[in-house]
Amino acid sequence: MIRATIKQFEEKALKGEGLSCAEGCALINLPDNCIFDILASSEKVRTFFKGNEVNLCSIINAKSGLCHEDCIFCSQSVHYDTGVKTYPMTEPQTIVETAKAASQNGAREFSIVTSGTSVNKDSDVAILAEALKKMQGETQMERCASLGIMNAETLQKLKDAGLQSYHHNLETARSFFPNVCTTHDYEEDVNTIKTARRLGLYTCCGGVFGLGESREQRVELAVTLRELDVDSIPINFLNPRPGTPLENAAHLTPLECLKIIALFRFMLPAKDIVICGGRQVNLRDMQCLIFAAGANGMMIGNYLTTMGRPPEEDLRMVKDLGLKPRRP
């Protein structure tokens, strides 16, 4: 009976429809011993829409710490004593050199990430614009930024300088968001994605899992992302940071992580799904199964305030699986 249900979900996803909310809830609540039946189907859906190419991306933490938002998972918030390193906007040439190094490690997309609610200082915008122009001239990488809640005017300036993709996570479901952040409204995040889409930017929007949300709220987030018609969904798994309210939270199990990835592949079958923060500590020895679960991308290199594993290990994993990095 369960195998027949999974097969029905597979067939619906292969048609490009995506599961309904009720079907998503049924999938995410399947017992763990069904995982290989789920993976057999999610792998078919990923291969149908994405082939054997893997999109590798990398980031730079271009402005660290001193964020006045109170997101309960974030070590860069001023509300928590985490000892995180703080510094102002990184100079353009440093950003470009970091992008070049990421390209040599196999990344095709590079994102400039800054802490804080938004980037609104003229001097910071000017630095970002110069970095984007230099990247455009000196690399073949796709140029992305993650700068918080932004207005159309500033995003347009950065697009004119070479920005191609904008990343801004919703973090979690609308119904659970007040438990995660109280310093801004969920609709501000939604409107930022709508603005980026309206300007013609590729939109990258997902969340963090393991914050205390229910399985049904994971489905709720997937429905919201489908309504927004985002292009790419970054999936992060909580890596609890000392000093934050979630410092003692338990890691998700590897099987739970795989079911989350599969859920998003079944619900948004044609979209890019990229596995980012928390991959190593939550999936452990089962990292290679992210692609069978439905991912067609992953972040390589270091994260914002934590270390990743050596890029050569990820590149070897991709090669061993018979997959290949997508080129610029």
C-alpha atoms as a PDB file:
ATOM      1  CA  MET A   1       0.000   0.000   0.000  1.00  0.00           C
ATOM      2  CA  ILE A   2       2.755   2.461   0.947  1.00  0.00           C
ATOM      3  CA  ARG A   3       4.813   1.604  -2.135  1.00  0.00           C
ATOM      4  CA  ALA A   4       1.762   2.186  -4.334  1.00  0.00           C
ATOM      5  CA  THR A   5       1.226   5.587  -2.697  1.00  0.00           C
ATOM      6  CA  ILE A   6       4.861   6.593  -3.261  1.00  0.00           C
ATOM      7  CA  LYS A   7       4.555   5.481  -6.875  1.00  0.00           C
ATOM      8  CA  GLN A   8       1.492   7.714  -7.283  1.00  0.00           C
ATOM      9  CA  PHE A   9       3.464  10.639  -5.838  1.00  0.00           C
ATOM     10  CA  GLU A  10       6.307   9.906  -8.271  1.00  0.00           C
ATOM     11  CA  GLU A  11       3.975   9.855 -11.274  1.00  0.00           C
ATOM     12  CA  LYS A  12       2.354  13.120 -10.249  1.00  0.00           C
ATOM     13  CA  ALA A  13       5.735  14.796  -9.783  1.00  0.00           C
ATOM     14  CA  LEU A  14       6.979  13.534 -13.143  1.00  0.00           C
ATOM     15  CA  LYS A  15       4.060  15.357 -14.743  1.00  0.00           C
ATOM     16  CA  GLY A  16       5.402  18.561 -13.183  1.00  0.00           C
ATOM     17  CA  GLU A  17       2.361  19.048 -10.970  1.00  0.00           C
ATOM     18  CA  GLY A  18       3.877  18.651  -7.523  1.00  0.00           C
ATOM     19  CA  LEU A  19       2.098  17.190  -4.529  1.00  0.00           C
ATOM     20  CA  SER A  20      -0.806  18.860  -2.791  1.00  0.00           C
ATOM     21  CA  CYS A  21      -0.469  19.988   0.812  1.00  0.00           C
ATOM     22  CA  ALA A  22      -2.271  16.846   2.026  1.00  0.00           C
ATOM     23  CA  GLU A  23      -0.076  14.613  -0.118  1.00  0.00           C
ATOM     24  CA  GLY A  24       3.044  16.373   1.116  1.00  0.00           C
ATOM     25  CA  CYS A  25       1.977  15.762   4.703  1.00  0.00           C
ATOM     26  CA  ALA A  26       1.382  12.096   3.898  1.00  0.00           C
ATOM     27  CA  LEU A  27       4.858  11.803   2.386  1.00  0.00           C
ATOM     28  CA  ILE A  28       6.762  13.560   5.165  1.00  0.00           C
ATOM     29  CA  ASN A  29       5.030  11.396   7.784  1.00  0.00           C
ATOM     30  CA  LEU A  30       5.898   8.067   6.178  1.00  0.00           C
ATOM     31  CA  PRO A  31       7.908   5.823   8.543  1.00  0.00           C
ATOM     32  CA  ASP A  32      11.683   5.807   8.292  1.00  0.00           C
ATOM     33  CA  ASN A  33      11.741   2.230   7.031  1.00  0.00           C
ATOM     34  CA  CYS A  34      10.208   3.511   3.765  1.00  0.00           C
ATOM     35  CA  ILE A  35      13.210   5.699   3.006  1.00  0.00           C
ATOM     36  CA  PHE A  36      14.652   3.604   0.185  1.00  0.00           C
ATOM     37  CA  ASP A  37      11.289   3.383  -1.538  1.00  0.00           C
ATOM     38  CA  ILE A  38      11.079   7.179  -1.293  1.00  0.00           C
ATOM     39  CA  LEU A  39      14.624   7.613  -2.620  1.00  0.00           C
ATOM     40  CA  ALA A  40      13.988   5.308  -5.556  1.00  0.00           C
ATOM     41  CA  SER A  41      11.178   7.618  -6.661  1.00  0.00           C
ATOM     42  CA  SER A  42      12.746  10.983  -5.798  1.00  0.00           C
ATOM     43  CA  GLU A  43      15.855   9.974  -7.760  1.00  0.00           C
ATOM     44  CA  LYS A  44      13.708   9.383 -10.847  1.00  0.00           C
ATOM     45  CA  VAL A  45      12.071  12.793 -10.488  1.00  0.00           C
ATOM     46  CA  ARG A  46      15.408  14.582 -10.038  1.00  0.00           C
ATOM     47  CA  THR A  47      16.958  12.801 -13.004  1.00  0.00           C
ATOM     48  CA  PHE A  48      13.949  13.527 -15.217  1.00  0.00           C
ATOM     49  CA  PHE A  49      14.091  17.270 -14.595  1.00  0.00           C
ATOM     50  CA  LYS A  50      17.787  17.861 -13.839  1.00  0.00           C
ATOM     51  CA  GLY A  51      19.759  15.055 -15.468  1.00  0.00           C
ATOM     52  CA  ASN A  52      23.133  14.162 -13.974  1.00  0.00           C
ATOM     53  CA  GLU A  53      24.444  17.693 -13.438  1.00  0.00           C
ATOM     54  CA  VAL A  54      25.063  19.099  -9.954  1.00  0.00           C
ATOM     55  CA  ASN A  55      25.025  22.832  -9.317  1.00  0.00           C
ATOM     56  CA  LEU A  56      27.866  23.763  -6.950  1.00  0.00           C
ATOM     57  CA  CYS A  57      27.829  27.132  -5.217  1.00  0.00           C
ATOM     58  CA  SER A  58      30.039  28.915  -2.728  1.00  0.00           C
ATOM     59  CA  ILE A  59      29.800  32.032  -0.556  1.00  0.00           C
ATOM     60  CA  ILE A  60      31.782  34.734   1.190  1.00  0.00           C
ATOM     61  CA  ASN A  61      30.753  36.166   4.555  1.00  0.00           C
ATOM     62  CA  ALA A  62      31.380  39.720   3.364  1.00  0.00           C
ATOM     63  CA  LYS A  63      30.047  41.493   6.463  1.00  0.00           C
ATOM     64  CA  SER A  64      29.940  39.600   9.734  1.00  0.00           C
ATOM     65  CA  GLY A  65      28.071  39.957  13.009  1.00  0.00           C
ATOM     66  CA  LEU A  66      26.308  42.902  14.662  1.00  0.00           C
ATOM     67  CA  CYS A  67      22.898  41.963  13.231  1.00  0.00           C
ATOM     68  CA  HIS A  68      19.961  43.465  15.142  1.00  0.00           C
ATOM     69  CA  GLU A  69      17.521  40.717  14.163  1.00  0.00           C
ATOM     70  CA  ASP A  70      16.832  38.107  16.860  1.00  0.00           C
ATOM     71  CA  CYS A  71      16.663  34.909  14.761  1.00  0.00           C
ATOM     72  CA  ILE A  72      17.062  32.170  17.367  1.00  0.00           C
ATOM     73  CA  PHE A  73      19.469  30.054  15.318  1.00  0.00           C
ATOM     74  CA  CYS A  74      21.916  32.774  14.261  1.00  0.00           C
ATOM     75  CA  SER A  75      25.297  33.366  15.870  1.00  0.00           C
ATOM     76  CA  GLN A  76      25.586  36.796  14.188  1.00  0.00           C
ATOM     77  CA  SER A  77      22.759  38.376  16.196  1.00  0.00           C
ATOM     78  CA  VAL A  78      23.650  41.053  18.768  1.00  0.00           C
ATOM     79  CA  HIS A  79      20.947  39.570  21.005  1.00  0.00           C
ATOM     80  CA  TYR A  80      23.160  36.573  21.853  1.00  0.00           C
ATOM     81  CA  ASP A  81      26.676  36.215  23.231  1.00  0.00           C
ATOM     82  CA  THR A  82      28.266  33.868  20.703  1.00  0.00           C
ATOM     83  CA  GLY A  83      31.754  35.292  20.299  1.00  0.00           C
ATOM     84  CA  VAL A  84      31.344  35.436  16.536  1.00  0.00           C
ATOM     85  CA  LYS A  85      33.880  37.476  14.604  1.00  0.00           C
ATOM     86  CA  THR A  86      32.590  40.883  13.471  1.00  0.00           C
ATOM     87  CA  TYR A  87      33.844  43.087  10.629  1.00  0.00           C
ATOM     88  CA  PRO A  88      32.518  45.678   8.152  1.00  0.00           C
ATOM     89  CA  MET A  89      31.992  45.211   4.415  1.00  0.00           C
ATOM     90  CA  THR A  90      34.865  43.373   2.744  1.00  0.00           C
ATOM     91  CA  GLU A  91      36.786  45.217   0.057  1.00  0.00           C
ATOM     92  CA  PRO A  92      35.850  44.447  -3.575  1.00  0.00           C
ATOM     93  CA  GLN A  93      39.124  42.814  -4.617  1.00  0.00           C
ATOM     94  CA  THR A  94      39.009  40.409  -1.656  1.00  0.00           C
ATOM     95  CA  ILE A  95      35.500  39.371  -2.709  1.00  0.00           C
ATOM     96  CA  VAL A  96      36.662  38.803  -6.281  1.00  0.00           C
ATOM     97  CA  GLU A  97      39.726  36.792  -5.242  1.00  0.00           C
ATOM     98  CA  THR A  98      37.534  34.604  -3.024  1.00  0.00           C
ATOM     99  CA  ALA A  99      35.196  34.051  -5.964  1.00  0.00           C
ATOM    100  CA  LYS A 100      38.119  33.010  -8.175  1.00  0.00           C
ATOM    101  CA  ALA A 101      39.270  30.496  -5.566  1.00  0.00           C
ATOM    102  CA  ALA A 102      35.731  29.087  -5.354  1.00  0.00           C
ATOM    103  CA  SER A 103      35.665  28.716  -9.128  1.00  0.00           C
ATOM    104  CA  GLN A 104      38.911  26.743  -9.037  1.00  0.00           C
ATOM    105  CA  ASN A 105      37.256  24.460  -6.478  1.00  0.00           C
ATOM    106  CA  GLY A 106      34.409  23.668  -8.878  1.00  0.00           C
ATOM    107  CA  ALA A 107      31.754  26.231  -7.915  1.00  0.00           C
ATOM    108  CA  ARG A 108      29.769  27.817 -10.754  1.00  0.00           C
ATOM    109  CA  GLU A 109      27.837  30.282  -8.579  1.00  0.00           C
ATOM    110  CA  PHE A 110      29.211  32.678  -5.969  1.00  0.00           C
ATOM    111  CA  SER A 111      27.149  34.597  -3.435  1.00  0.00           C
ATOM    112  CA  ILE A 112      28.140  37.688  -1.480  1.00  0.00           C
ATOM    113  CA  VAL A 113      26.487  37.354   1.933  1.00  0.00           C
ATOM    114  CA  THR A 114      26.182  40.108   4.540  1.00  0.00           C
ATOM    115  CA  SER A 115      24.816  40.136   8.069  1.00  0.00           C
ATOM    116  CA  GLY A 116      22.172  42.594   9.175  1.00  0.00           C
ATOM    117  CA  THR A 117      18.587  43.439   8.310  1.00  0.00           C
ATOM    118  CA  SER A 118      19.562  45.107   5.042  1.00  0.00           C
ATOM    119  CA  VAL A 119      22.354  46.768   3.100  1.00  0.00           C
ATOM    120  CA  ASN A 120      21.373  50.417   2.745  1.00  0.00           C
ATOM    121  CA  LYS A 121      24.545  52.467   3.243  1.00  0.00           C
ATOM    122  CA  ASP A 122      25.677  54.096   0.009  1.00  0.00           C
ATOM    123  CA  SER A 123      29.277  53.148   0.739  1.00  0.00           C
ATOM    124  CA  ASP A 124      28.391  49.470   1.177  1.00  0.00           C
ATOM    125  CA  VAL A 125      26.267  49.428  -1.977  1.00  0.00           C
ATOM    126  CA  ALA A 126      29.160  51.003  -3.878  1.00  0.00           C
ATOM    127  CA  ILE A 127      31.550  48.290  -2.648  1.00  0.00           C
ATOM    128  CA  LEU A 128      29.117  45.572  -3.712  1.00  0.00           C
ATOM    129  CA  ALA A 129      28.582  47.153  -7.125  1.00  0.00           C
ATOM    130  CA  GLU A 130      32.323  47.360  -7.724  1.00  0.00           C
ATOM    131  CA  ALA A 131      32.804  43.741  -6.647  1.00  0.00           C
ATOM    132  CA  LEU A 132      30.039  42.564  -8.994  1.00  0.00           C
ATOM    133  CA  LYS A 133      31.524  44.474 -11.921  1.00  0.00           C
ATOM    134  CA  LYS A 134      34.950  43.007 -11.224  1.00  0.00           C
ATOM    135  CA  MET A 135      33.512  39.498 -10.943  1.00  0.00           C
ATOM    136  CA  GLN A 136      31.752  39.948 -14.258  1.00  0.00           C
ATOM    137  CA  GLY A 137      34.990  40.967 -15.917  1.00  0.00           C
ATOM    138  CA  GLU A 138      37.335  38.486 -14.248  1.00  0.00           C
ATOM    139  CA  THR A 139      35.292  35.296 -13.769  1.00  0.00           C
ATOM    140  CA  GLN A 140      32.609  33.255 -15.514  1.00  0.00           C
ATOM    141  CA  MET A 141      30.726  32.610 -12.276  1.00  0.00           C
ATOM    142  CA  GLU A 142      27.039  33.302 -11.750  1.00  0.00           C
ATOM    143  CA  ARG A 143      26.840  36.322  -9.464  1.00  0.00           C
ATOM    144  CA  CYS A 144      24.523  36.105  -6.456  1.00  0.00           C
ATOM    145  CA  ALA A 145      24.003  38.155  -3.288  1.00  0.00           C
ATOM    146  CA  SER A 146      22.254  37.649   0.041  1.00  0.00           C
ATOM    147  CA  LEU A 147      21.859  41.064   1.635  1.00  0.00           C
ATOM    148  CA  GLY A 148      18.673  40.883   3.704  1.00  0.00           C
ATOM    149  CA  ILE A 149      15.446  42.813   3.175  1.00  0.00           C
ATOM    150  CA  MET A 150      16.041  44.999   0.129  1.00  0.00           C
ATOM    151  CA  ASN A 151      14.140  47.619  -1.846  1.00  0.00           C
ATOM    152  CA  ALA A 152      13.746  47.705  -5.610  1.00  0.00           C
ATOM    153  CA  GLU A 153      15.963  50.739  -6.142  1.00  0.00           C
ATOM    154  CA  THR A 154      19.029  49.185  -4.495  1.00  0.00           C
ATOM    155  CA  LEU A 155      18.504  45.796  -6.108  1.00  0.00           C
ATOM    156  CA  GLN A 156      18.220  47.477  -9.498  1.00  0.00           C
ATOM    157  CA  LYS A 157      21.540  49.267  -8.923  1.00  0.00           C
ATOM    158  CA  LEU A 158      23.185  45.957  -8.112  1.00  0.00           C
ATOM    159  CA  LYS A 159      21.556  44.253 -11.082  1.00  0.00           C
ATOM    160  CA  ASP A 160      22.913  47.001 -13.314  1.00  0.00           C
ATOM    161  CA  ALA A 161      26.356  46.248 -11.828  1.00  0.00           C
ATOM    162  CA  GLY A 162      26.083  42.562 -12.734  1.00  0.00           C
ATOM    163  CA  LEU A 163      23.927  40.859 -10.079  1.00  0.00           C
ATOM    164  CA  GLN A 164      22.107  37.861 -11.584  1.00  0.00           C
ATOM    165  CA  SER A 165      20.620  36.012  -8.615  1.00  0.00           C
ATOM    166  CA  TYR A 166      19.198  37.113  -5.274  1.00  0.00           C
ATOM    167  CA  HIS A 167      19.075  34.876  -2.217  1.00  0.00           C
ATOM    168  CA  HIS A 168      16.766  35.536   0.716  1.00  0.00           C
ATOM    169  CA  ASN A 169      15.440  32.737   2.909  1.00  0.00           C
ATOM    170  CA  LEU A 170      12.010  32.704   4.517  1.00  0.00           C
ATOM    171  CA  GLU A 171      13.671  30.407   7.120  1.00  0.00           C
ATOM    172  CA  THR A 172      10.487  28.535   8.087  1.00  0.00           C
ATOM    173  CA  ALA A 173       6.723  28.384   7.654  1.00  0.00           C
ATOM    174  CA  ARG A 174       4.684  31.531   8.136  1.00  0.00           C
ATOM    175  CA  SER A 175       2.829  29.894  11.064  1.00  0.00           C
ATOM    176  CA  PHE A 176       6.084  29.090  12.883  1.00  0.00           C
ATOM    177  CA  PHE A 177       8.032  32.257  12.082  1.00  0.00           C
ATOM    178  CA  PRO A 178       7.047  34.170  15.282  1.00  0.00           C
ATOM    179  CA  ASN A 179       8.878  31.439  17.231  1.00  0.00           C
ATOM    180  CA  VAL A 180      12.033  32.093  15.219  1.00  0.00           C
ATOM    181  CA  CYS A 181      12.191  35.871  14.808  1.00  0.00           C
ATOM    182  CA  THR A 182      10.277  38.767  16.373  1.00  0.00           C
ATOM    183  CA  THR A 183      12.188  41.753  14.979  1.00  0.00           C
ATOM    184  CA  HIS A 184      10.605  41.831  11.522  1.00  0.00           C
ATOM    185  CA  ASP A 185       7.494  40.519   9.835  1.00  0.00           C
ATOM    186  CA  TYR A 186       7.357  37.463   7.578  1.00  0.00           C
ATOM    187  CA  GLU A 187       5.774  39.510   4.805  1.00  0.00           C
ATOM    188  CA  GLU A 188       8.883  41.681   4.587  1.00  0.00           C
ATOM    189  CA  ASP A 189      10.814  38.580   3.541  1.00  0.00           C
ATOM    190  CA  VAL A 190       8.085  37.542   1.113  1.00  0.00           C
ATOM    191  CA  ASN A 191       8.021  41.013  -0.444  1.00  0.00           C
ATOM    192  CA  THR A 192      11.797  40.986  -0.920  1.00  0.00           C
ATOM    193  CA  ILE A 193      11.503  37.816  -3.018  1.00  0.00           C
ATOM    194  CA  LYS A 194       8.607  39.310  -4.984  1.00  0.00           C
ATOM    195  CA  THR A 195      10.677  42.426  -5.660  1.00  0.00           C
ATOM    196  CA  ALA A 196      13.674  40.401  -6.854  1.00  0.00           C
ATOM    197  CA  ARG A 197      11.440  38.371  -9.177  1.00  0.00           C
ATOM    198  CA  ARG A 198       9.802  41.505 -10.535  1.00  0.00           C
ATOM    199  CA  LEU A 199      13.245  42.872 -11.424  1.00  0.00           C
ATOM    200  CA  GLY A 200      14.057  39.708 -13.357  1.00  0.00           C
ATOM    201  CA  LEU A 201      16.575  38.279 -10.893  1.00  0.00           C
ATOM    202  CA  TYR A 202      16.871  34.519 -10.409  1.00  0.00           C
ATOM    203  CA  THR A 203      15.434  33.912  -6.927  1.00  0.00           C
ATOM    204  CA  CYS A 204      16.945  31.593  -4.347  1.00  0.00           C
ATOM    205  CA  CYS A 205      14.732  31.107  -1.300  1.00  0.00           C
ATOM    206  CA  GLY A 206      14.429  28.318   1.246  1.00  0.00           C
ATOM    207  CA  GLY A 207      14.854  27.765   4.942  1.00  0.00           C
ATOM    208  CA  VAL A 208      16.434  26.115   7.958  1.00  0.00           C
ATOM    209  CA  PHE A 209      15.050  22.831   9.267  1.00  0.00           C
ATOM    210  CA  GLY A 210      15.284  21.526  12.815  1.00  0.00           C
ATOM    211  CA  LEU A 211      14.219  24.771  14.523  1.00  0.00           C
ATOM    212  CA  GLY A 212      11.332  23.072  16.311  1.00  0.00           C
ATOM    213  CA  GLU A 213       8.855  23.267  13.435  1.00  0.00           C
ATOM    214  CA  SER A 214       6.419  20.435  12.804  1.00  0.00           C
ATOM    215  CA  ARG A 215       6.594  18.226   9.736  1.00  0.00           C
ATOM    216  CA  GLU A 216       3.387  19.828   8.531  1.00  0.00           C
ATOM    217  CA  GLN A 217       5.018  23.253   8.780  1.00  0.00           C
ATOM    218  CA  ARG A 218       7.787  22.014   6.484  1.00  0.00           C
ATOM    219  CA  VAL A 219       5.069  21.268   3.957  1.00  0.00           C
ATOM    220  CA  GLU A 220       3.591  24.719   4.578  1.00  0.00           C
ATOM    221  CA  LEU A 221       6.923  26.316   3.658  1.00  0.00           C
ATOM    222  CA  ALA A 222       7.074  24.265   0.463  1.00  0.00           C
ATOM    223  CA  VAL A 223       3.593  25.476  -0.495  1.00  0.00           C
ATOM    224  CA  THR A 224       4.592  29.103   0.102  1.00  0.00           C
ATOM    225  CA  LEU A 225       7.720  28.735  -2.040  1.00  0.00           C
ATOM    226  CA  ARG A 226       5.627  27.198  -4.791  1.00  0.00           C
ATOM    227  CA  GLU A 227       3.189  30.106  -4.634  1.00  0.00           C
ATOM    228  CA  LEU A 228       6.137  32.524  -4.930  1.00  0.00           C
ATOM    229  CA  ASP A 229       7.484  30.491  -7.870  1.00  0.00           C
ATOM    230  CA  VAL A 230      11.078  30.774  -6.671  1.00  0.00           C
ATOM    231  CA  ASP A 231      13.783  29.343  -8.913  1.00  0.00           C
ATOM    232  CA  SER A 232      15.950  27.593  -6.352  1.00  0.00           C
ATOM    233  CA  ILE A 233      15.372  26.225  -2.838  1.00  0.00           C
ATOM    234  CA  PRO A 234      18.384  26.156  -0.483  1.00  0.00           C
ATOM    235  CA  ILE A 235      17.851  23.614   2.282  1.00  0.00           C
ATOM    236  CA  ASN A 236      19.754  24.133   5.535  1.00  0.00           C
ATOM    237  CA  PHE A 237      19.748  21.857   8.565  1.00  0.00           C
ATOM    238  CA  LEU A 238      20.280  23.401  11.990  1.00  0.00           C
ATOM    239  CA  ASN A 239      23.828  23.227  13.288  1.00  0.00           C
ATOM    240  CA  PRO A 240      23.250  24.554  16.842  1.00  0.00           C
ATOM    241  CA  ARG A 241      25.521  27.495  17.672  1.00  0.00           C
ATOM    242  CA  PRO A 242      26.781  28.060  21.232  1.00  0.00           C
ATOM    243  CA  GLY A 243      25.187  31.116  22.813  1.00  0.00           C
ATOM    244  CA  THR A 244      22.002  31.032  20.740  1.00  0.00           C
ATOM    245  CA  PRO A 245      18.629  29.932  22.159  1.00  0.00           C
ATOM    246  CA  LEU A 246      18.945  26.713  20.143  1.00  0.00           C
ATOM    247  CA  GLU A 247      22.442  25.823  21.296  1.00  0.00           C
ATOM    248  CA  ASN A 248      21.199  22.609  22.948  1.00  0.00           C
ATOM    249  CA  ALA A 249      18.839  21.547  20.168  1.00  0.00           C
ATOM    250  CA  ALA A 250      19.280  18.002  18.870  1.00  0.00           C
ATOM    251  CA  HIS A 251      20.429  17.389  15.322  1.00  0.00           C
ATOM    252  CA  LEU A 252      17.923  16.011  12.854  1.00  0.00           C
ATOM    253  CA  THR A 253      18.473  12.373  11.988  1.00  0.00           C
ATOM    254  CA  PRO A 254      19.949  11.620   8.557  1.00  0.00           C
ATOM    255  CA  LEU A 255      16.714   9.901   7.522  1.00  0.00           C
ATOM    256  CA  GLU A 256      14.651  12.931   8.522  1.00  0.00           C
ATOM    257  CA  CYS A 257      16.940  15.146   6.445  1.00  0.00           C
ATOM    258  CA  LEU A 258      16.529  12.899   3.423  1.00  0.00           C
ATOM    259  CA  LYS A 259      12.749  12.950   3.761  1.00  0.00           C
ATOM    260  CA  ILE A 260      12.805  16.767   3.845  1.00  0.00           C
ATOM    261  CA  ILE A 261      14.830  16.880   0.632  1.00  0.00           C
ATOM    262  CA  ALA A 262      12.493  14.364  -1.014  1.00  0.00           C
ATOM    263  CA  LEU A 263       9.464  16.374   0.107  1.00  0.00           C
ATOM    264  CA  PHE A 264      10.708  19.458  -1.707  1.00  0.00           C
ATOM    265  CA  ARG A 265      11.600  17.503  -4.850  1.00  0.00           C
ATOM    266  CA  PHE A 266       8.107  15.979  -4.968  1.00  0.00           C
ATOM    267  CA  MET A 267       6.382  19.286  -4.252  1.00  0.00           C
ATOM    268  CA  LEU A 268       8.523  21.483  -6.537  1.00  0.00           C
ATOM    269  CA  PRO A 269       9.687  18.892  -9.061  1.00  0.00           C
ATOM    270  CA  ALA A 270      11.257  21.202 -11.670  1.00  0.00           C
ATOM    271  CA  LYS A 271      13.064  23.587  -9.306  1.00  0.00           C
ATOM    272  CA  ASP A 272      16.711  23.611  -8.240  1.00  0.00           C
ATOM    273  CA  ILE A 273      17.179  22.172  -4.753  1.00  0.00           C
ATOM    274  CA  VAL A 274      20.525  22.979  -3.125  1.00  0.00           C
ATOM    275  CA  ILE A 275      21.767  21.503   0.156  1.00  0.00           C
ATOM    276  CA  CYS A 276      23.648  24.053   2.248  1.00  0.00           C
ATOM    277  CA  GLY A 277      24.399  24.553   5.942  1.00  0.00           C
ATOM    278  CA  GLY A 278      24.398  21.706   8.443  1.00  0.00           C
ATOM    279  CA  ARG A 279      24.908  18.998   5.834  1.00  0.00           C
ATOM    280  CA  GLN A 280      27.946  17.395   7.453  1.00  0.00           C
ATOM    281  CA  VAL A 281      26.732  17.315  11.056  1.00  0.00           C
ATOM    282  CA  ASN A 282      23.183  16.163  10.310  1.00  0.00           C
ATOM    283  CA  LEU A 283      23.642  13.720   7.429  1.00  0.00           C
ATOM    284  CA  ARG A 284      27.066  12.464   8.478  1.00  0.00           C
ATOM    285  CA  ASP A 285      27.988   9.360   6.419  1.00  0.00           C
ATOM    286  CA  MET A 286      24.767   9.591   4.411  1.00  0.00           C
ATOM    287  CA  GLN A 287      25.640  12.846   2.620  1.00  0.00           C
ATOM    288  CA  CYS A 288      25.929  11.131  -0.751  1.00  0.00           C
ATOM    289  CA  LEU A 289      22.213  10.236  -0.602  1.00  0.00           C
ATOM    290  CA  ILE A 290      21.140  13.889  -0.924  1.00  0.00           C
ATOM    291  CA  PHE A 291      21.061  13.459  -4.699  1.00  0.00           C
ATOM    292  CA  ALA A 292      18.934  10.325  -4.584  1.00  0.00           C
ATOM    293  CA  ALA A 293      16.622  12.255  -2.264  1.00  0.00           C
ATOM    294  CA  GLY A 294      16.182  14.899  -4.954  1.00  0.00           C
ATOM    295  CA  ALA A 295      18.875  17.550  -4.548  1.00  0.00           C
ATOM    296  CA  ASN A 296      20.622  18.751  -7.683  1.00  0.00           C
ATOM    297  CA  GLY A 297      23.006  21.145  -5.980  1.00  0.00           C
ATOM    298  CA  MET A 298      25.058  21.758  -2.860  1.00  0.00           C
ATOM    299  CA  MET A 299      27.216  24.414  -1.298  1.00  0.00           C
ATOM    300  CA  ILE A 300      30.922  23.651  -1.184  1.00  0.00           C
ATOM    301  CA  GLY A 301      33.570  25.272   0.958  1.00  0.00           C
ATOM    302  CA  ASN A 302      32.939  27.079   4.228  1.00  0.00           C
ATOM    303  CA  TYR A 303      29.656  28.476   5.528  1.00  0.00           C
ATOM    304  CA  LEU A 304      29.042  31.829   7.209  1.00  0.00           C
ATOM    305  CA  THR A 305      30.464  31.139  10.670  1.00  0.00           C
ATOM    306  CA  THR A 306      31.275  27.420  10.483  1.00  0.00           C
ATOM    307  CA  MET A 307      33.722  25.354   8.457  1.00  0.00           C
ATOM    308  CA  GLY A 308      32.667  23.108   5.611  1.00  0.00           C
ATOM    309  CA  ARG A 309      34.543  20.031   4.518  1.00  0.00           C
ATOM    310  CA  PRO A 310      37.348  20.262   1.939  1.00  0.00           C
ATOM    311  CA  PRO A 311      35.944  20.925  -1.562  1.00  0.00           C
ATOM    312  CA  GLU A 312      37.971  18.062  -3.026  1.00  0.00           C
ATOM    313  CA  GLU A 313      35.981  15.612  -0.883  1.00  0.00           C
ATOM    314  CA  ASP A 314      32.700  16.921  -2.251  1.00  0.00           C
ATOM    315  CA  LEU A 315      34.012  16.864  -5.820  1.00  0.00           C
ATOM    316  CA  ARG A 316      35.139  13.272  -5.338  1.00  0.00           C
ATOM    317  CA  MET A 317      31.698  12.347  -3.983  1.00  0.00           C
ATOM    318  CA  VAL A 318      30.008  13.865  -7.027  1.00  0.00           C
ATOM    319  CA  LYS A 319      32.349  12.020  -9.389  1.00  0.00           C
ATOM    320  CA  ASP A 320      31.962   8.709  -7.555  1.00  0.00           C
ATOM    321  CA  LEU A 321      28.192   8.979  -7.959  1.00  0.00           C
ATOM    322  CA  GLY A 322      28.503   9.337 -11.726  1.00  0.00           C
ATOM    323  CA  LEU A 323      27.348  12.953 -11.589  1.00  0.00           C
ATOM    324  CA  LYS A 324      29.150  15.994 -12.950  1.00  0.00           C
ATOM    325  CA  PRO A 325      29.361  19.636 -11.865  1.00  0.00           C
ATOM    326  CA  ARG A 326      27.287  22.016 -13.944  1.00  0.00           C
ATOM    327  CA  ARG A 327      29.500  24.460 -15.769  1.00  0.00           C
ATOM    328  CA  PRO A 328      29.037  28.261 -15.975  1.00  0.00           C
END
